[in-house]
């Protein structure tokens, strides 16, 4: 069961996928979020190409659990994907996933200031790995 995870953004979407057994999350190249449709076409194509059985969309709630501007944008992305994909699309709390991804990349010796796209996809992988660990 391959799962795709998306860390939605305003200029790019971080993307990750699980292995076919649903055990390990791997970051993939980010997809642009700009242009017509906010990158939805590219996300749909990626989910279909990898034959995902589930798509997770990061839901960046505020630290107090309330829904802010970024979370509302994630809701719109999830709804647009639900309209176009045959598989389930689920919003998943992703608070601190970007922070955790930056820490992991920094520990690996990567200069995170120069690798924003890598951070976005690493955040998607962190979110996905947490999901896999909880639900696997």
C-alpha atoms as a PDB file:
ATOM      1  CA  UNK A   1       0.000   0.000   0.000  1.00  0.00           C
ATOM      2  CA  UNK A   2       1.844   3.086  -1.227  1.00  0.00           C
ATOM      3  CA  UNK A   3       0.996   6.353   0.516  1.00  0.00           C
ATOM      4  CA  UNK A   4       1.804   9.835  -0.781  1.00  0.00           C
ATOM      5  CA  UNK A   5       2.261  12.764   1.593  1.00  0.00           C
ATOM      6  CA  UNK A   6       2.163  16.456   0.724  1.00  0.00           C
ATOM      7  CA  UNK A   7       3.545  19.342   2.767  1.00  0.00           C
ATOM      8  CA  UNK A   8       1.568  22.163   1.117  1.00  0.00           C
ATOM      9  CA  UNK A   9       3.183  25.534   0.574  1.00  0.00           C
ATOM     10  CA  UNK A  10       2.677  28.778  -1.280  1.00  0.00           C
ATOM     11  CA  UNK A  11       5.583  28.441  -3.736  1.00  0.00           C
ATOM     12  CA  UNK A  12       6.243  24.686  -3.637  1.00  0.00           C
ATOM     13  CA  UNK A  13       4.702  21.507  -2.238  1.00  0.00           C
ATOM     14  CA  UNK A  14       6.956  19.038  -0.450  1.00  0.00           C
ATOM     15  CA  UNK A  15       6.226  15.464  -1.490  1.00  0.00           C
ATOM     16  CA  UNK A  16       7.085  12.083   0.000  1.00  0.00           C
ATOM     17  CA  UNK A  17       6.024   8.506  -0.617  1.00  0.00           C
ATOM     18  CA  UNK A  18       6.062   5.287   1.321  1.00  0.00           C
ATOM     19  CA  UNK A  19       7.553   2.070   0.056  1.00  0.00           C
ATOM     20  CA  UNK A  20       5.000  -0.451  -1.300  1.00  0.00           C
ATOM     21  CA  UNK A  21       4.802  -2.170   2.102  1.00  0.00           C
ATOM     22  CA  UNK A  22       3.934   1.105   3.840  1.00  0.00           C
ATOM     23  CA  UNK A  23       6.880   1.014   6.232  1.00  0.00           C
ATOM     24  CA  UNK A  24       9.411   3.660   5.134  1.00  0.00           C
ATOM     25  CA  UNK A  25       8.840   7.259   4.012  1.00  0.00           C
ATOM     26  CA  UNK A  26      11.114   8.750   1.367  1.00  0.00           C
ATOM     27  CA  UNK A  27      11.220  12.412   0.314  1.00  0.00           C
ATOM     28  CA  UNK A  28      10.680  13.077  -3.394  1.00  0.00           C
ATOM     29  CA  UNK A  29      11.452  16.195  -5.445  1.00  0.00           C
ATOM     30  CA  UNK A  30       9.169  19.074  -4.526  1.00  0.00           C
ATOM     31  CA  UNK A  31       6.446  20.204  -6.925  1.00  0.00           C
ATOM     32  CA  UNK A  32       5.688  23.845  -7.760  1.00  0.00           C
ATOM     33  CA  UNK A  33       2.676  25.377  -6.035  1.00  0.00           C
ATOM     34  CA  UNK A  34       2.517  28.469  -8.202  1.00  0.00           C
ATOM     35  CA  UNK A  35       0.685  28.956 -11.456  1.00  0.00           C
ATOM     36  CA  UNK A  36      -2.787  27.964 -12.507  1.00  0.00           C
ATOM     37  CA  UNK A  37      -4.492  25.769  -9.937  1.00  0.00           C
ATOM     38  CA  UNK A  38      -1.746  26.063  -7.325  1.00  0.00           C
ATOM     39  CA  UNK A  39       0.064  22.966  -8.527  1.00  0.00           C
ATOM     40  CA  UNK A  40      -2.937  20.658  -8.142  1.00  0.00           C
ATOM     41  CA  UNK A  41      -2.398  19.160 -11.621  1.00  0.00           C
ATOM     42  CA  UNK A  42       1.155  18.122 -10.685  1.00  0.00           C
ATOM     43  CA  UNK A  43       0.005  16.620  -7.369  1.00  0.00           C
ATOM     44  CA  UNK A  44      -2.759  14.652  -9.097  1.00  0.00           C
ATOM     45  CA  UNK A  45      -0.309  13.366 -11.721  1.00  0.00           C
ATOM     46  CA  UNK A  46       2.193  12.328  -9.041  1.00  0.00           C
ATOM     47  CA  UNK A  47      -0.424  10.440  -6.998  1.00  0.00           C
ATOM     48  CA  UNK A  48      -1.697   8.618 -10.068  1.00  0.00           C
ATOM     49  CA  UNK A  49       1.786   7.842 -11.375  1.00  0.00           C
ATOM     50  CA  UNK A  50       2.917   6.285  -8.092  1.00  0.00           C
ATOM     51  CA  UNK A  51      -0.412   4.450  -7.792  1.00  0.00           C
ATOM     52  CA  UNK A  52      -0.957   5.754  -4.282  1.00  0.00           C
ATOM     53  CA  UNK A  53      -3.763   4.169  -2.322  1.00  0.00           C
ATOM     54  CA  UNK A  54      -3.932   7.092   0.120  1.00  0.00           C
ATOM     55  CA  UNK A  55      -2.863  10.749  -0.017  1.00  0.00           C
ATOM     56  CA  UNK A  56      -2.011  12.650   3.147  1.00  0.00           C
ATOM     57  CA  UNK A  57      -2.114  16.443   3.109  1.00  0.00           C
ATOM     58  CA  UNK A  58      -0.285  18.241   5.884  1.00  0.00           C
ATOM     59  CA  UNK A  59      -2.663  20.246   8.041  1.00  0.00           C
ATOM     60  CA  UNK A  60      -0.644  23.035   9.656  1.00  0.00           C
ATOM     61  CA  UNK A  61      -2.794  23.853  12.651  1.00  0.00           C
ATOM     62  CA  UNK A  62      -1.692  26.644  14.954  1.00  0.00           C
ATOM     63  CA  UNK A  63       0.184  25.478  18.049  1.00  0.00           C
ATOM     64  CA  UNK A  64      -3.003  25.961  20.118  1.00  0.00           C
ATOM     65  CA  UNK A  65      -4.901  23.662  17.714  1.00  0.00           C
ATOM     66  CA  UNK A  66      -6.888  26.386  15.980  1.00  0.00           C
ATOM     67  CA  UNK A  67      -7.294  26.656  12.220  1.00  0.00           C
ATOM     68  CA  UNK A  68      -5.374  29.548  10.669  1.00  0.00           C
ATOM     69  CA  UNK A  69      -4.729  30.805   7.146  1.00  0.00           C
ATOM     70  CA  UNK A  70      -2.283  28.033   6.205  1.00  0.00           C
ATOM     71  CA  UNK A  71      -4.608  25.305   7.511  1.00  0.00           C
ATOM     72  CA  UNK A  72      -7.501  26.726   5.472  1.00  0.00           C
ATOM     73  CA  UNK A  73      -5.257  26.635   2.378  1.00  0.00           C
ATOM     74  CA  UNK A  74      -4.476  22.965   3.127  1.00  0.00           C
ATOM     75  CA  UNK A  75      -8.213  22.268   3.386  1.00  0.00           C
ATOM     76  CA  UNK A  76      -8.724  23.778  -0.089  1.00  0.00           C
ATOM     77  CA  UNK A  77      -5.882  21.673  -1.526  1.00  0.00           C
ATOM     78  CA  UNK A  78      -7.271  18.499   0.038  1.00  0.00           C
ATOM     79  CA  UNK A  79     -10.740  19.228  -1.329  1.00  0.00           C
ATOM     80  CA  UNK A  80      -9.370  19.902  -4.830  1.00  0.00           C
ATOM     81  CA  UNK A  81      -7.504  16.582  -4.706  1.00  0.00           C
ATOM     82  CA  UNK A  82     -10.622  14.741  -3.480  1.00  0.00           C
ATOM     83  CA  UNK A  83     -12.499  16.034  -6.520  1.00  0.00           C
ATOM     84  CA  UNK A  84      -9.890  14.624  -8.912  1.00  0.00           C
ATOM     85  CA  UNK A  85      -8.417  11.501  -7.322  1.00  0.00           C
ATOM     86  CA  UNK A  86      -9.968   8.044  -6.940  1.00  0.00           C
ATOM     87  CA  UNK A  87      -8.182   7.368  -3.626  1.00  0.00           C
ATOM     88  CA  UNK A  88      -8.847   8.743  -0.145  1.00  0.00           C
ATOM     89  CA  UNK A  89      -7.321  12.140   0.708  1.00  0.00           C
ATOM     90  CA  UNK A  90      -6.820  12.832   4.421  1.00  0.00           C
ATOM     91  CA  UNK A  91      -5.679  15.920   6.317  1.00  0.00           C
ATOM     92  CA  UNK A  92      -2.968  15.075   8.876  1.00  0.00           C
ATOM     93  CA  UNK A  93      -1.711  17.348  11.649  1.00  0.00           C
ATOM     94  CA  UNK A  94       1.798  18.384  10.661  1.00  0.00           C
ATOM     95  CA  UNK A  95       2.733  20.798  13.418  1.00  0.00           C
ATOM     96  CA  UNK A  96       6.515  20.968  13.804  1.00  0.00           C
ATOM     97  CA  UNK A  97       7.242  18.636  10.861  1.00  0.00           C
ATOM     98  CA  UNK A  98       9.192  21.379   9.046  1.00  0.00           C
ATOM     99  CA  UNK A  99      11.154  22.131  12.214  1.00  0.00           C
ATOM    100  CA  UNK A 100      11.935  18.422  12.684  1.00  0.00           C
ATOM    101  CA  UNK A 101      12.946  18.100   9.024  1.00  0.00           C
ATOM    102  CA  UNK A 102      15.326  21.063   9.327  1.00  0.00           C
ATOM    103  CA  UNK A 103      16.877  19.529  12.432  1.00  0.00           C
ATOM    104  CA  UNK A 104      17.375  16.180  10.683  1.00  0.00           C
ATOM    105  CA  UNK A 105      18.957  17.818   7.633  1.00  0.00           C
ATOM    106  CA  UNK A 106      21.185  19.966   9.836  1.00  0.00           C
ATOM    107  CA  UNK A 107      22.319  16.874  11.759  1.00  0.00           C
ATOM    108  CA  UNK A 108      23.143  15.252   8.416  1.00  0.00           C
ATOM    109  CA  UNK A 109      25.426  18.187   7.618  1.00  0.00           C
ATOM    110  CA  UNK A 110      23.152  19.852   5.073  1.00  0.00           C
ATOM    111  CA  UNK A 111      23.002  23.654   4.749  1.00  0.00           C
ATOM    112  CA  UNK A 112      19.260  24.141   5.191  1.00  0.00           C
ATOM    113  CA  UNK A 113      19.298  27.805   4.145  1.00  0.00           C
ATOM    114  CA  UNK A 114      20.168  26.777   0.598  1.00  0.00           C
ATOM    115  CA  UNK A 115      17.760  23.838   0.390  1.00  0.00           C
ATOM    116  CA  UNK A 116      14.204  25.059   0.982  1.00  0.00           C
ATOM    117  CA  UNK A 117      12.704  22.526  -1.454  1.00  0.00           C
ATOM    118  CA  UNK A 118      14.557  19.707   0.250  1.00  0.00           C
ATOM    119  CA  UNK A 119      13.185  20.856   3.620  1.00  0.00           C
ATOM    120  CA  UNK A 120       9.624  20.850   2.252  1.00  0.00           C
ATOM    121  CA  UNK A 121       9.911  17.276   0.992  1.00  0.00           C
ATOM    122  CA  UNK A 122      11.744  16.187   4.144  1.00  0.00           C
ATOM    123  CA  UNK A 123       8.842  17.643   6.155  1.00  0.00           C
ATOM    124  CA  UNK A 124       6.419  15.586   4.056  1.00  0.00           C
ATOM    125  CA  UNK A 125       8.548  12.498   4.776  1.00  0.00           C
ATOM    126  CA  UNK A 126       8.591  13.255   8.534  1.00  0.00           C
ATOM    127  CA  UNK A 127       4.807  13.624   8.540  1.00  0.00           C
ATOM    128  CA  UNK A 128       4.404  10.408   6.535  1.00  0.00           C
ATOM    129  CA  UNK A 129       6.802   8.433   8.730  1.00  0.00           C
ATOM    130  CA  UNK A 130       4.888   9.511  11.847  1.00  0.00           C
ATOM    131  CA  UNK A 131       1.668   8.363  10.148  1.00  0.00           C
ATOM    132  CA  UNK A 132       3.218   5.016   9.173  1.00  0.00           C
ATOM    133  CA  UNK A 133       4.591   4.461  12.689  1.00  0.00           C
ATOM    134  CA  UNK A 134       1.182   5.159  14.269  1.00  0.00           C
ATOM    135  CA  UNK A 135      -0.893   3.196  11.786  1.00  0.00           C
ATOM    136  CA  UNK A 136       1.428   0.388  10.668  1.00  0.00           C
END
